[in-house]
Every structure is written in structure tokens, then in C-alpha cells.
């Protein structure tokens, strides 16, 4: 099951209590204070794991608690710290404080980690309060409470290429033909209700493709679960607009899709994009492609996922554009 949202409760460990103790030795019955401090409570961290692809685990477990620190001991012994709790989430998970909306972290890289709930510090024992004028303090500190918070997890898929189109435009079929992914494919709209990922290979290059569930007009305002689908496009590097060649007015479909993306995020229109007409096996061989004014498009082509027409060329073009995009980003981040 694909789950891309979850709300969970965190409770870091309390600090251990400081100890009140005095030395009692055969040769010194009135020894000084020797109470040790308590151990720190365990903290809770989130860590990105590229081996995970869903937040499904949090559907069944919603409460996470770190252990408390041990109390201090005599002879100035410090209590043991509570163990930290590491919660692993898929790479691409955005973590927000559910009460304040504060962004705690956006974990996009494997192994990246963030502190989400800090454990309480252990209390000081009475030995810590000894002074030249107060030689036998008979009090100690309690440990501090651990941090409590409720967090909202939101997964945005990490993919190189996002397939965008109306329902039943052939996105799932295309993904199944250019990768080993096996999404549900059927001849009716809204077959795909959750995003699917697949790895496409072109020569020595490989890239991750995301099949985004079909969009409809008004998706940017939430119509037809639009927000649930559109946010998975935000992290893609290239957008592939897929339009059924047999659609009544392909030009209008493309314009509507562009409008929906622009209405959802002002960053989406700047992503490199290409236009692909699907189901070319339904028209006469050699039929011209519909004319669309799209100076922003780096490629306009036609394919048939049924016959395999144009699939190798499409993969090659996407791989080349991705390499160009990565090179441009690297140059911008590391100018000579």
C-alpha cells in the first residue's frame, strides 16, 4: 500500500534524577556529598532511507517514545543516558511540526538525519551543589522533561522524470514498457490512484520515472485529489506531457495541463518539458502530429506503447536532457 501522508506523536525521554548521597566510610563517618547526576533522556531522530518508498508503517504505529535517563548513583556515579530512537523514513520526506507548521526538515538524501525531539538533561546530584560555605547540600535536581511534539510527515517522490497527463492518456502503459514497473493498466479513467516508480535504461544511462495519477481541470485547487497528485511532480527534473493522439483537441489538453501546473506552483513551469503524443497505433501511419506552439518544449514526438514505436528514441532524448540538466546544475553550484 502506498501511503504518502502520516501524523505521529513523539515523546523524548526524561532526564534521570540527581542523587542525594553522602560518603560513609569507616574512618570518616561524616564524609561529604557524593550524589551523581542523572543520565540524559533519549532523543528522537528522523533518518532518510532510500530503501523505503512509502509511509505505510506510520499508518499502524503513531506513537514513538524514547527511554528516560537512569537516575544518578552514589560515589558520584552518573546515570546511564537513555538510548536515542532513530525513525527511518523514505528519502523525499518533508517533516513539519503539526501544531505550528514549522518545517523541521526536508530529507532528500539517503542517510540525512535530523533531531526532531530532544531528550531532557539529567538532574544534578547533591555533589554538584557543594560550595566552600555549603559543604553538605541535602538536595538534588530532578531531570528535565523530554520534548513532546506531533509531526506531520509528507512524502514527495524523488524521480528524474514525471509523466503528466489526463486520465487514460497511457502513462501507466508507457511506464510498464520503458521500465520493469508493473502498474495496474486498464482501459478506463483513473486506473492509477497512487504514483508508481520505475527505472528506465537507455544505453549506459538509467533514470527514475514517476507515473503521476491522471489530472483533471481544477486539479491545482484540489479537484479530483489534485493536491495529492501534483506535489509528487515538484521534485522531478523533467516533465513529460502525455496526450492521447485521439483526443478531440490535443492543443487544449496541453494548455489545460500547463495551466494546472502553473496554478499549483510557480516553480513547475520552469522545469524542462517535452510533449509526447501517445497511442499512435490508433492513427494512420505517417499521420502528422497536431500543431502546438510550445517554444518551451525541448521535444515533440509520438509513441505507441503497444507497438514500441518511438520508445527507444524517447528514452534516449530524456537521458540526454537529464545529463544536460545535471551538468548545468553542477556548473551553477560549482562555478569555476
C-alpha atoms as a PDB file:
ATOM      1  CA  UNK A   1       0.000   0.000   0.000  1.00  0.00           C
ATOM      2  CA  UNK A   2       1.279   3.447  -0.922  1.00  0.00           C
ATOM      3  CA  UNK A   3       0.869   5.969   1.891  1.00  0.00           C
ATOM      4  CA  UNK A   4       2.337   9.455   1.457  1.00  0.00           C
ATOM      5  CA  UNK A   5       0.985  11.310   4.496  1.00  0.00           C
ATOM      6  CA  UNK A   6       1.121  10.498   8.194  1.00  0.00           C
ATOM      7  CA  UNK A   7       0.822  12.264  11.536  1.00  0.00           C
ATOM      8  CA  UNK A   8       2.705  10.815  14.509  1.00  0.00           C
ATOM      9  CA  UNK A   9       3.384  11.764  18.126  1.00  0.00           C
ATOM     10  CA  UNK A  10       6.888  11.946  19.596  1.00  0.00           C
ATOM     11  CA  UNK A  11       7.962  11.880  23.241  1.00  0.00           C
ATOM     12  CA  UNK A  12      11.651  12.183  24.025  1.00  0.00           C
ATOM     13  CA  UNK A  13      12.983  10.631  27.218  1.00  0.00           C
ATOM     14  CA  UNK A  14      13.077  12.449  30.549  1.00  0.00           C
ATOM     15  CA  UNK A  15      16.373  13.113  32.243  1.00  0.00           C
ATOM     16  CA  UNK A  16      17.209  10.962  35.264  1.00  0.00           C
ATOM     17  CA  UNK A  17      17.056  12.404  38.767  1.00  0.00           C
ATOM     18  CA  UNK A  18      20.179  13.553  40.537  1.00  0.00           C
ATOM     19  CA  UNK A  19      21.168  11.504  43.585  1.00  0.00           C
ATOM     20  CA  UNK A  20      21.357  12.687  47.206  1.00  0.00           C
ATOM     21  CA  UNK A  21      24.137  10.717  48.876  1.00  0.00           C
ATOM     22  CA  UNK A  22      26.961  11.189  51.378  1.00  0.00           C
ATOM     23  CA  UNK A  23      30.179   9.318  51.908  1.00  0.00           C
ATOM     24  CA  UNK A  24      30.079   6.959  54.863  1.00  0.00           C
ATOM     25  CA  UNK A  25      33.484   5.384  55.356  1.00  0.00           C
ATOM     26  CA  UNK A  26      34.903   3.558  58.403  1.00  0.00           C
ATOM     27  CA  UNK A  27      37.490   6.245  59.002  1.00  0.00           C
ATOM     28  CA  UNK A  28      35.182   9.139  58.043  1.00  0.00           C
ATOM     29  CA  UNK A  29      31.591   8.913  59.255  1.00  0.00           C
ATOM     30  CA  UNK A  30      30.806  12.468  58.193  1.00  0.00           C
ATOM     31  CA  UNK A  31      32.036  12.453  54.588  1.00  0.00           C
ATOM     32  CA  UNK A  32      30.964  14.985  52.019  1.00  0.00           C
ATOM     33  CA  UNK A  33      28.215  14.727  49.375  1.00  0.00           C
ATOM     34  CA  UNK A  34      28.708  12.167  46.591  1.00  0.00           C
ATOM     35  CA  UNK A  35      25.408  12.087  44.707  1.00  0.00           C
ATOM     36  CA  UNK A  36      25.894  11.752  40.935  1.00  0.00           C
ATOM     37  CA  UNK A  37      23.856  13.393  38.213  1.00  0.00           C
ATOM     38  CA  UNK A  38      21.129  11.624  36.269  1.00  0.00           C
ATOM     39  CA  UNK A  39      21.581  10.479  32.698  1.00  0.00           C
ATOM     40  CA  UNK A  40      20.144  12.419  29.755  1.00  0.00           C
ATOM     41  CA  UNK A  41      16.918  11.187  28.221  1.00  0.00           C
ATOM     42  CA  UNK A  42      16.965   9.643  24.767  1.00  0.00           C
ATOM     43  CA  UNK A  43      16.272  11.893  21.773  1.00  0.00           C
ATOM     44  CA  UNK A  44      14.255  11.063  18.636  1.00  0.00           C
ATOM     45  CA  UNK A  45      15.762  11.481  15.175  1.00  0.00           C
ATOM     46  CA  UNK A  46      14.433  11.020  11.640  1.00  0.00           C
ATOM     47  CA  UNK A  47      16.751   9.495   9.039  1.00  0.00           C
ATOM     48  CA  UNK A  48      16.197   9.204   5.285  1.00  0.00           C
ATOM     49  CA  UNK A  49      16.422   5.691   3.850  1.00  0.00           C
ATOM     50  CA  UNK A  50      16.385   5.269   0.062  1.00  0.00           C
ATOM     51  CA  UNK A  51      15.211   1.677   0.515  1.00  0.00           C
ATOM     52  CA  UNK A  52      11.799   2.891   1.739  1.00  0.00           C
ATOM     53  CA  UNK A  53       9.121   4.109  -0.661  1.00  0.00           C
ATOM     54  CA  UNK A  54       6.032   4.646   1.498  1.00  0.00           C
ATOM     55  CA  UNK A  55       4.937   5.937   4.901  1.00  0.00           C
ATOM     56  CA  UNK A  56       2.751   2.869   5.410  1.00  0.00           C
ATOM     57  CA  UNK A  57       4.472   1.872   8.689  1.00  0.00           C
ATOM     58  CA  UNK A  58       3.159   5.044  10.321  1.00  0.00           C
ATOM     59  CA  UNK A  59      -0.389   4.061   9.485  1.00  0.00           C
ATOM     60  CA  UNK A  60      -0.184   1.391  12.166  1.00  0.00           C
ATOM     61  CA  UNK A  61       2.198   2.931  14.680  1.00  0.00           C
ATOM     62  CA  UNK A  62       1.626   6.565  15.575  1.00  0.00           C
ATOM     63  CA  UNK A  63       3.357   6.971  18.942  1.00  0.00           C
ATOM     64  CA  UNK A  64       7.129   6.947  19.429  1.00  0.00           C
ATOM     65  CA  UNK A  65       8.790   7.276  22.816  1.00  0.00           C
ATOM     66  CA  UNK A  66      12.460   7.388  23.749  1.00  0.00           C
ATOM     67  CA  UNK A  67      13.631   5.886  27.088  1.00  0.00           C
ATOM     68  CA  UNK A  68      14.416   8.076  30.063  1.00  0.00           C
ATOM     69  CA  UNK A  69      17.860   8.527  31.541  1.00  0.00           C
ATOM     70  CA  UNK A  70      18.824   6.482  34.591  1.00  0.00           C
ATOM     71  CA  UNK A  71      18.970   8.173  37.997  1.00  0.00           C
ATOM     72  CA  UNK A  72      22.318   9.215  39.412  1.00  0.00           C
ATOM     73  CA  UNK A  73      24.094   6.990  41.915  1.00  0.00           C
ATOM     74  CA  UNK A  74      26.306   7.283  44.967  1.00  0.00           C
ATOM     75  CA  UNK A  75      30.060   7.806  44.746  1.00  0.00           C
ATOM     76  CA  UNK A  76      29.437  10.434  42.057  1.00  0.00           C
ATOM     77  CA  UNK A  77      28.160   7.860  39.560  1.00  0.00           C
ATOM     78  CA  UNK A  78      26.346   9.400  36.601  1.00  0.00           C
ATOM     79  CA  UNK A  79      23.209   7.629  35.442  1.00  0.00           C
ATOM     80  CA  UNK A  80      23.162   5.970  32.023  1.00  0.00           C
ATOM     81  CA  UNK A  81      21.832   8.055  29.161  1.00  0.00           C
ATOM     82  CA  UNK A  82      18.620   6.873  27.513  1.00  0.00           C
ATOM     83  CA  UNK A  83      19.061   5.348  24.063  1.00  0.00           C
ATOM     84  CA  UNK A  84      18.168   7.537  21.105  1.00  0.00           C
ATOM     85  CA  UNK A  85      15.361   6.451  18.790  1.00  0.00           C
ATOM     86  CA  UNK A  86      16.009   6.589  15.028  1.00  0.00           C
ATOM     87  CA  UNK A  87      12.879   6.688  12.863  1.00  0.00           C
ATOM     88  CA  UNK A  88      13.610   5.830   9.234  1.00  0.00           C
ATOM     89  CA  UNK A  89      11.555   7.481   6.519  1.00  0.00           C
ATOM     90  CA  UNK A  90      11.744   7.434   2.702  1.00  0.00           C
ATOM     91  CA  UNK A  91      14.111   9.884   1.052  1.00  0.00           C
ATOM     92  CA  UNK A  92      11.966  12.808  -0.052  1.00  0.00           C
ATOM     93  CA  UNK A  93      10.022  13.119   3.212  1.00  0.00           C
ATOM     94  CA  UNK A  94       9.081  16.592   4.412  1.00  0.00           C
ATOM     95  CA  UNK A  95       8.675  16.839   8.209  1.00  0.00           C
ATOM     96  CA  UNK A  96       6.574  19.623   9.752  1.00  0.00           C
ATOM     97  CA  UNK A  97       5.502  20.451  13.280  1.00  0.00           C
ATOM     98  CA  UNK A  98       1.778  19.686  13.173  1.00  0.00           C
ATOM     99  CA  UNK A  99       0.893  22.422  15.672  1.00  0.00           C
ATOM    100  CA  UNK A 100       2.985  25.354  14.419  1.00  0.00           C
ATOM    101  CA  UNK A 101       3.548  24.410  10.770  1.00  0.00           C
ATOM    102  CA  UNK A 102       7.305  24.850  11.251  1.00  0.00           C
ATOM    103  CA  UNK A 103       9.385  22.895   8.745  1.00  0.00           C
ATOM    104  CA  UNK A 104      11.635  20.625  10.791  1.00  0.00           C
ATOM    105  CA  UNK A 105      13.473  19.096   7.840  1.00  0.00           C
ATOM    106  CA  UNK A 106      13.232  18.097   4.198  1.00  0.00           C
ATOM    107  CA  UNK A 107      15.143  14.810   3.984  1.00  0.00           C
ATOM    108  CA  UNK A 108      16.035  14.343   0.326  1.00  0.00           C
ATOM    109  CA  UNK A 109      19.338  12.467   0.574  1.00  0.00           C
ATOM    110  CA  UNK A 110      19.947   8.932   1.803  1.00  0.00           C
ATOM    111  CA  UNK A 111      21.395   8.943   5.310  1.00  0.00           C
ATOM    112  CA  UNK A 112      20.490  12.552   6.111  1.00  0.00           C
ATOM    113  CA  UNK A 113      19.307  12.884   9.706  1.00  0.00           C
ATOM    114  CA  UNK A 114      17.520  15.497  11.817  1.00  0.00           C
ATOM    115  CA  UNK A 115      16.786  15.864  15.527  1.00  0.00           C
ATOM    116  CA  UNK A 116      13.007  16.023  15.981  1.00  0.00           C
ATOM    117  CA  UNK A 117      12.536  15.719  19.756  1.00  0.00           C
ATOM    118  CA  UNK A 118      15.359  16.374  22.214  1.00  0.00           C
ATOM    119  CA  UNK A 119      15.724  14.336  25.368  1.00  0.00           C
ATOM    120  CA  UNK A 120      15.729  16.068  28.752  1.00  0.00           C
ATOM    121  CA  UNK A 121      19.005  16.706  30.585  1.00  0.00           C
ATOM    122  CA  UNK A 122      19.717  14.706  33.680  1.00  0.00           C
ATOM    123  CA  UNK A 123      19.402  16.443  37.031  1.00  0.00           C
ATOM    124  CA  UNK A 124      22.494  17.293  39.059  1.00  0.00           C
ATOM    125  CA  UNK A 125      23.267  15.313  42.197  1.00  0.00           C
ATOM    126  CA  UNK A 126      23.931  16.971  45.530  1.00  0.00           C
ATOM    127  CA  UNK A 127      27.720  16.780  44.981  1.00  0.00           C
ATOM    128  CA  UNK A 128      27.323  19.418  42.254  1.00  0.00           C
ATOM    129  CA  UNK A 129      25.918  21.915  44.755  1.00  0.00           C
ATOM    130  CA  UNK A 130      28.785  21.747  47.232  1.00  0.00           C
ATOM    131  CA  UNK A 131      30.483  25.109  47.874  1.00  0.00           C
ATOM    132  CA  UNK A 132      33.004  26.348  50.438  1.00  0.00           C
ATOM    133  CA  UNK A 133      30.124  27.678  52.518  1.00  0.00           C
ATOM    134  CA  UNK A 134      27.672  24.848  51.817  1.00  0.00           C
ATOM    135  CA  UNK A 135      29.604  21.686  52.372  1.00  0.00           C
ATOM    136  CA  UNK A 136      26.742  19.219  52.830  1.00  0.00           C
ATOM    137  CA  UNK A 137      23.875  20.103  50.474  1.00  0.00           C
ATOM    138  CA  UNK A 138      20.959  17.767  51.054  1.00  0.00           C
ATOM    139  CA  UNK A 139      19.112  18.367  47.796  1.00  0.00           C
ATOM    140  CA  UNK A 140      19.417  17.413  44.135  1.00  0.00           C
ATOM    141  CA  UNK A 141      17.711  18.224  40.823  1.00  0.00           C
ATOM    142  CA  UNK A 142      15.026  16.301  39.026  1.00  0.00           C
ATOM    143  CA  UNK A 143      15.708  15.554  35.385  1.00  0.00           C
ATOM    144  CA  UNK A 144      14.274  17.822  32.708  1.00  0.00           C
ATOM    145  CA  UNK A 145      11.257  16.572  30.746  1.00  0.00           C
ATOM    146  CA  UNK A 146      11.811  15.322  27.217  1.00  0.00           C
ATOM    147  CA  UNK A 147      10.394  17.287  24.312  1.00  0.00           C
ATOM    148  CA  UNK A 148       6.899  16.372  23.125  1.00  0.00           C
ATOM    149  CA  UNK A 149       5.617  17.190  19.673  1.00  0.00           C
ATOM    150  CA  UNK A 150       3.284  15.980  16.974  1.00  0.00           C
ATOM    151  CA  UNK A 151       4.762  15.927  13.480  1.00  0.00           C
ATOM    152  CA  UNK A 152       3.250  15.712  10.024  1.00  0.00           C
ATOM    153  CA  UNK A 153       5.138  13.567   7.509  1.00  0.00           C
ATOM    154  CA  UNK A 154       4.637  14.227   3.815  1.00  0.00           C
ATOM    155  CA  UNK A 155       6.326  12.158   1.137  1.00  0.00           C
ATOM    156  CA  UNK A 156       7.140  13.755  -2.205  1.00  0.00           C
ATOM    157  CA  UNK A 157       8.565  11.218  -4.590  1.00  0.00           C
ATOM    158  CA  UNK A 158      12.128  11.639  -5.823  1.00  0.00           C
ATOM    159  CA  UNK A 159      12.172  10.973  -9.556  1.00  0.00           C
ATOM    160  CA  UNK A 160      14.082  12.257 -12.573  1.00  0.00           C
ATOM    161  CA  UNK A 161      11.123  12.248 -14.948  1.00  0.00           C
ATOM    162  CA  UNK A 162       7.442  12.827 -14.182  1.00  0.00           C
ATOM    163  CA  UNK A 163       4.720  11.608 -16.559  1.00  0.00           C
ATOM    164  CA  UNK A 164       1.873  14.139 -16.610  1.00  0.00           C
ATOM    165  CA  UNK A 165      -1.423  13.777 -18.400  1.00  0.00           C
ATOM    166  CA  UNK A 166      -5.158  13.395 -18.222  1.00  0.00           C
ATOM    167  CA  UNK A 167      -6.729  10.129 -17.062  1.00  0.00           C
ATOM    168  CA  UNK A 168      -6.407   7.275 -19.553  1.00  0.00           C
ATOM    169  CA  UNK A 169      -3.679   9.013 -21.580  1.00  0.00           C
ATOM    170  CA  UNK A 170      -1.412   5.958 -21.398  1.00  0.00           C
ATOM    171  CA  UNK A 171       1.027   6.921 -18.633  1.00  0.00           C
ATOM    172  CA  UNK A 172       0.926   3.577 -16.826  1.00  0.00           C
ATOM    173  CA  UNK A 173       1.286   1.636 -20.074  1.00  0.00           C
ATOM    174  CA  UNK A 174       4.277   3.765 -21.060  1.00  0.00           C
ATOM    175  CA  UNK A 175       5.920   3.226 -17.646  1.00  0.00           C
ATOM    176  CA  UNK A 176       5.440  -0.533 -17.947  1.00  0.00           C
ATOM    177  CA  UNK A 177       7.102  -0.537 -21.394  1.00  0.00           C
ATOM    178  CA  UNK A 178      10.176   1.555 -20.564  1.00  0.00           C
ATOM    179  CA  UNK A 179      10.858   0.037 -17.131  1.00  0.00           C
ATOM    180  CA  UNK A 180      10.318  -3.082 -15.049  1.00  0.00           C
ATOM    181  CA  UNK A 181       7.464  -1.432 -13.147  1.00  0.00           C
ATOM    182  CA  UNK A 182       4.105  -3.178 -13.435  1.00  0.00           C
ATOM    183  CA  UNK A 183       1.406  -0.644 -12.578  1.00  0.00           C
ATOM    184  CA  UNK A 184      -2.248  -1.535 -12.992  1.00  0.00           C
ATOM    185  CA  UNK A 185      -3.301  -0.901 -16.594  1.00  0.00           C
ATOM    186  CA  UNK A 186      -6.907  -0.830 -17.796  1.00  0.00           C
ATOM    187  CA  UNK A 187      -8.960   0.910 -20.483  1.00  0.00           C
ATOM    188  CA  UNK A 188     -10.841   3.283 -18.211  1.00  0.00           C
ATOM    189  CA  UNK A 189     -10.027   6.593 -16.481  1.00  0.00           C
ATOM    190  CA  UNK A 190      -8.465   6.794 -13.004  1.00  0.00           C
ATOM    191  CA  UNK A 191      -6.977   3.297 -13.127  1.00  0.00           C
ATOM    192  CA  UNK A 192      -3.948   4.752 -11.326  1.00  0.00           C
ATOM    193  CA  UNK A 193      -4.782   6.232  -7.923  1.00  0.00           C
ATOM    194  CA  UNK A 194      -1.266   6.333  -6.444  1.00  0.00           C
ATOM    195  CA  UNK A 195       2.065   7.261  -8.039  1.00  0.00           C
ATOM    196  CA  UNK A 196       4.235   4.470  -9.454  1.00  0.00           C
ATOM    197  CA  UNK A 197       8.007   4.493  -9.917  1.00  0.00           C
ATOM    198  CA  UNK A 198      10.127   2.668 -12.467  1.00  0.00           C
ATOM    199  CA  UNK A 199      13.755   2.732 -13.610  1.00  0.00           C
ATOM    200  CA  UNK A 200      14.259   3.264 -17.347  1.00  0.00           C
ATOM    201  CA  UNK A 201      17.528   2.308 -19.050  1.00  0.00           C
ATOM    202  CA  UNK A 202      18.966   3.931 -22.177  1.00  0.00           C
ATOM    203  CA  UNK A 203      22.396   2.620 -23.120  1.00  0.00           C
ATOM    204  CA  UNK A 204      24.601   3.058 -20.072  1.00  0.00           C
ATOM    205  CA  UNK A 205      22.281   5.669 -18.536  1.00  0.00           C
ATOM    206  CA  UNK A 206      19.385   4.988 -16.201  1.00  0.00           C
ATOM    207  CA  UNK A 207      16.805   7.283 -14.647  1.00  0.00           C
ATOM    208  CA  UNK A 208      13.759   7.087 -12.389  1.00  0.00           C
ATOM    209  CA  UNK A 209      10.349   7.734 -13.936  1.00  0.00           C
ATOM    210  CA  UNK A 210       7.222   8.573 -11.906  1.00  0.00           C
ATOM    211  CA  UNK A 211       3.752   7.825 -13.237  1.00  0.00           C
ATOM    212  CA  UNK A 212       1.585  10.539 -11.686  1.00  0.00           C
ATOM    213  CA  UNK A 213      -2.163   9.732 -11.439  1.00  0.00           C
ATOM    214  CA  UNK A 214      -4.276  11.492 -14.056  1.00  0.00           C
ATOM    215  CA  UNK A 215      -5.003  15.177 -13.596  1.00  0.00           C
ATOM    216  CA  UNK A 216      -8.252  16.927 -14.408  1.00  0.00           C
ATOM    217  CA  UNK A 217      -9.186  20.572 -14.868  1.00  0.00           C
ATOM    218  CA  UNK A 218      -9.178  22.257 -11.464  1.00  0.00           C
ATOM    219  CA  UNK A 219      -6.519  19.917 -10.058  1.00  0.00           C
ATOM    220  CA  UNK A 220      -4.402  22.827  -8.769  1.00  0.00           C
ATOM    221  CA  UNK A 221      -7.268  23.818  -6.434  1.00  0.00           C
ATOM    222  CA  UNK A 222      -7.637  20.268  -5.141  1.00  0.00           C
ATOM    223  CA  UNK A 223     -10.298  18.966  -7.510  1.00  0.00           C
ATOM    224  CA  UNK A 224     -10.037  15.241  -8.129  1.00  0.00           C
ATOM    225  CA  UNK A 225      -7.351  14.849  -5.408  1.00  0.00           C
ATOM    226  CA  UNK A 226      -5.231  17.279  -7.403  1.00  0.00           C
ATOM    227  CA  UNK A 227      -3.022  18.358  -4.499  1.00  0.00           C
ATOM    228  CA  UNK A 228      -2.376  14.727  -3.588  1.00  0.00           C
ATOM    229  CA  UNK A 229      -1.017  14.108  -7.085  1.00  0.00           C
ATOM    230  CA  UNK A 230       0.623  17.405  -8.037  1.00  0.00           C
ATOM    231  CA  UNK A 231       3.025  17.528  -5.092  1.00  0.00           C
ATOM    232  CA  UNK A 232       4.774  14.421  -6.403  1.00  0.00           C
ATOM    233  CA  UNK A 233       5.797  16.383  -9.503  1.00  0.00           C
ATOM    234  CA  UNK A 234       7.617  19.072  -7.527  1.00  0.00           C
ATOM    235  CA  UNK A 235      10.902  17.168  -7.169  1.00  0.00           C
ATOM    236  CA  UNK A 236      11.132  15.821 -10.731  1.00  0.00           C
ATOM    237  CA  UNK A 237      13.789  17.247 -13.051  1.00  0.00           C
ATOM    238  CA  UNK A 238      11.900  16.794 -16.341  1.00  0.00           C
ATOM    239  CA  UNK A 239       8.186  16.735 -17.133  1.00  0.00           C
ATOM    240  CA  UNK A 240       6.746  14.588 -19.907  1.00  0.00           C
ATOM    241  CA  UNK A 241       3.304  15.754 -21.007  1.00  0.00           C
ATOM    242  CA  UNK A 242       1.477  12.717 -22.386  1.00  0.00           C
ATOM    243  CA  UNK A 243      -1.565  13.380 -24.590  1.00  0.00           C
ATOM    244  CA  UNK A 244      -3.749  10.820 -26.334  1.00  0.00           C
ATOM    245  CA  UNK A 245      -3.403  11.405 -30.092  1.00  0.00           C
ATOM    246  CA  UNK A 246      -7.109  10.617 -30.482  1.00  0.00           C
ATOM    247  CA  UNK A 247      -8.166  13.380 -28.052  1.00  0.00           C
ATOM    248  CA  UNK A 248     -10.680  15.817 -29.662  1.00  0.00           C
ATOM    249  CA  UNK A 249      -8.498  18.925 -29.222  1.00  0.00           C
ATOM    250  CA  UNK A 250      -4.937  17.968 -28.130  1.00  0.00           C
ATOM    251  CA  UNK A 251      -3.866  21.632 -28.060  1.00  0.00           C
ATOM    252  CA  UNK A 252      -6.455  22.424 -25.394  1.00  0.00           C
ATOM    253  CA  UNK A 253      -5.376  19.444 -23.287  1.00  0.00           C
ATOM    254  CA  UNK A 254      -1.793  20.658 -23.292  1.00  0.00           C
ATOM    255  CA  UNK A 255      -2.814  24.203 -22.356  1.00  0.00           C
ATOM    256  CA  UNK A 256      -5.012  22.929 -19.524  1.00  0.00           C
ATOM    257  CA  UNK A 257      -2.207  20.802 -18.113  1.00  0.00           C
ATOM    258  CA  UNK A 258       0.200  23.749 -18.260  1.00  0.00           C
ATOM    259  CA  UNK A 259      -2.361  25.946 -16.506  1.00  0.00           C
ATOM    260  CA  UNK A 260      -2.915  23.405 -13.722  1.00  0.00           C
ATOM    261  CA  UNK A 261       0.809  23.067 -13.023  1.00  0.00           C
ATOM    262  CA  UNK A 262       1.323  26.832 -13.011  1.00  0.00           C
ATOM    263  CA  UNK A 263      -1.647  27.270 -10.682  1.00  0.00           C
ATOM    264  CA  UNK A 264      -0.205  24.803  -8.189  1.00  0.00           C
ATOM    265  CA  UNK A 265       3.402  26.032  -8.071  1.00  0.00           C
ATOM    266  CA  UNK A 266       5.313  28.837  -9.756  1.00  0.00           C
ATOM    267  CA  UNK A 267       8.362  26.544  -9.941  1.00  0.00           C
ATOM    268  CA  UNK A 268       6.791  23.862 -12.139  1.00  0.00           C
ATOM    269  CA  UNK A 269       6.576  25.960 -15.357  1.00  0.00           C
ATOM    270  CA  UNK A 270      10.372  26.444 -15.310  1.00  0.00           C
ATOM    271  CA  UNK A 271      11.145  22.714 -15.443  1.00  0.00           C
ATOM    272  CA  UNK A 272      12.321  21.279 -18.789  1.00  0.00           C
ATOM    273  CA  UNK A 273       9.412  19.622 -20.561  1.00  0.00           C
ATOM    274  CA  UNK A 274       8.570  17.633 -23.643  1.00  0.00           C
ATOM    275  CA  UNK A 275       5.290  16.741 -25.303  1.00  0.00           C
ATOM    276  CA  UNK A 276       4.566  13.141 -26.233  1.00  0.00           C
ATOM    277  CA  UNK A 277       1.522  12.018 -28.199  1.00  0.00           C
ATOM    278  CA  UNK A 278       0.552   8.506 -27.155  1.00  0.00           C
ATOM    279  CA  UNK A 279      -1.429   5.739 -28.880  1.00  0.00           C
ATOM    280  CA  UNK A 280      -0.004   6.486 -32.324  1.00  0.00           C
ATOM    281  CA  UNK A 281      -1.121   2.990 -33.352  1.00  0.00           C
ATOM    282  CA  UNK A 282      -4.687   4.353 -33.441  1.00  0.00           C
ATOM    283  CA  UNK A 283      -3.986   6.696 -36.383  1.00  0.00           C
ATOM    284  CA  UNK A 284      -2.808   6.076 -39.925  1.00  0.00           C
ATOM    285  CA  UNK A 285       0.970   5.528 -40.246  1.00  0.00           C
ATOM    286  CA  UNK A 286       2.701   8.739 -41.248  1.00  0.00           C
ATOM    287  CA  UNK A 287      -0.080  10.984 -39.907  1.00  0.00           C
ATOM    288  CA  UNK A 288       1.286  14.389 -38.891  1.00  0.00           C
ATOM    289  CA  UNK A 289       1.343  15.354 -35.234  1.00  0.00           C
ATOM    290  CA  UNK A 290      -1.061  18.078 -34.090  1.00  0.00           C
ATOM    291  CA  UNK A 291       0.463  21.538 -34.298  1.00  0.00           C
ATOM    292  CA  UNK A 292       1.188  23.040 -30.897  1.00  0.00           C
ATOM    293  CA  UNK A 293       3.032  26.272 -30.226  1.00  0.00           C
ATOM    294  CA  UNK A 294       5.432  25.322 -27.493  1.00  0.00           C
ATOM    295  CA  UNK A 295       8.719  27.185 -27.553  1.00  0.00           C
ATOM    296  CA  UNK A 296       9.311  25.899 -24.014  1.00  0.00           C
ATOM    297  CA  UNK A 297       9.295  22.273 -25.217  1.00  0.00           C
ATOM    298  CA  UNK A 298      12.646  20.619 -25.928  1.00  0.00           C
ATOM    299  CA  UNK A 299      10.946  17.840 -27.894  1.00  0.00           C
ATOM    300  CA  UNK A 300       7.596  16.960 -29.509  1.00  0.00           C
ATOM    301  CA  UNK A 301       7.209  13.339 -30.575  1.00  0.00           C
ATOM    302  CA  UNK A 302       4.760  10.480 -30.938  1.00  0.00           C
ATOM    303  CA  UNK A 303       4.907   6.979 -29.488  1.00  0.00           C
ATOM    304  CA  UNK A 304       2.963   3.770 -29.262  1.00  0.00           C
ATOM    305  CA  UNK A 305       3.431   1.760 -26.105  1.00  0.00           C
ATOM    306  CA  UNK A 306       1.614  -1.119 -27.801  1.00  0.00           C
ATOM    307  CA  UNK A 307       3.914  -1.447 -30.840  1.00  0.00           C
ATOM    308  CA  UNK A 308       7.024   0.082 -29.250  1.00  0.00           C
ATOM    309  CA  UNK A 309       7.164   2.905 -31.798  1.00  0.00           C
ATOM    310  CA  UNK A 310       9.387   5.775 -30.629  1.00  0.00           C
ATOM    311  CA  UNK A 311      10.128   4.359 -27.168  1.00  0.00           C
ATOM    312  CA  UNK A 312      13.899   3.998 -27.631  1.00  0.00           C
ATOM    313  CA  UNK A 313      14.135   7.479 -29.100  1.00  0.00           C
ATOM    314  CA  UNK A 314      12.132   8.885 -26.204  1.00  0.00           C
ATOM    315  CA  UNK A 315      14.364   7.238 -23.594  1.00  0.00           C
ATOM    316  CA  UNK A 316      17.488   8.432 -25.385  1.00  0.00           C
ATOM    317  CA  UNK A 317      16.235  12.017 -25.529  1.00  0.00           C
ATOM    318  CA  UNK A 318      15.259  12.004 -21.855  1.00  0.00           C
ATOM    319  CA  UNK A 319      18.635  10.590 -20.821  1.00  0.00           C
ATOM    320  CA  UNK A 320      20.438  13.253 -22.857  1.00  0.00           C
ATOM    321  CA  UNK A 321      18.312  16.068 -21.412  1.00  0.00           C
ATOM    322  CA  UNK A 322      18.881  14.789 -17.875  1.00  0.00           C
ATOM    323  CA  UNK A 323      22.641  14.748 -18.443  1.00  0.00           C
ATOM    324  CA  UNK A 324      22.444  18.317 -19.733  1.00  0.00           C
ATOM    325  CA  UNK A 325      20.338  19.379 -16.743  1.00  0.00           C
ATOM    326  CA  UNK A 326      22.743  17.792 -14.248  1.00  0.00           C
ATOM    327  CA  UNK A 327      25.741  19.413 -15.932  1.00  0.00           C
ATOM    328  CA  UNK A 328      24.082  22.834 -15.814  1.00  0.00           C
ATOM    329  CA  UNK A 329      23.207  22.407 -12.141  1.00  0.00           C
ATOM    330  CA  UNK A 330      26.718  21.247 -11.282  1.00  0.00           C
ATOM    331  CA  UNK A 331      28.196  24.254 -13.067  1.00  0.00           C
ATOM    332  CA  UNK A 332      25.870  26.619 -11.229  1.00  0.00           C
ATOM    333  CA  UNK A 333      26.711  25.085  -7.852  1.00  0.00           C
ATOM    334  CA  UNK A 334      30.463  24.945  -8.527  1.00  0.00           C
ATOM    335  CA  UNK A 335      31.396  27.920 -10.735  1.00  0.00           C
ATOM    336  CA  UNK A 336      34.996  27.992 -11.958  1.00  0.00           C
END
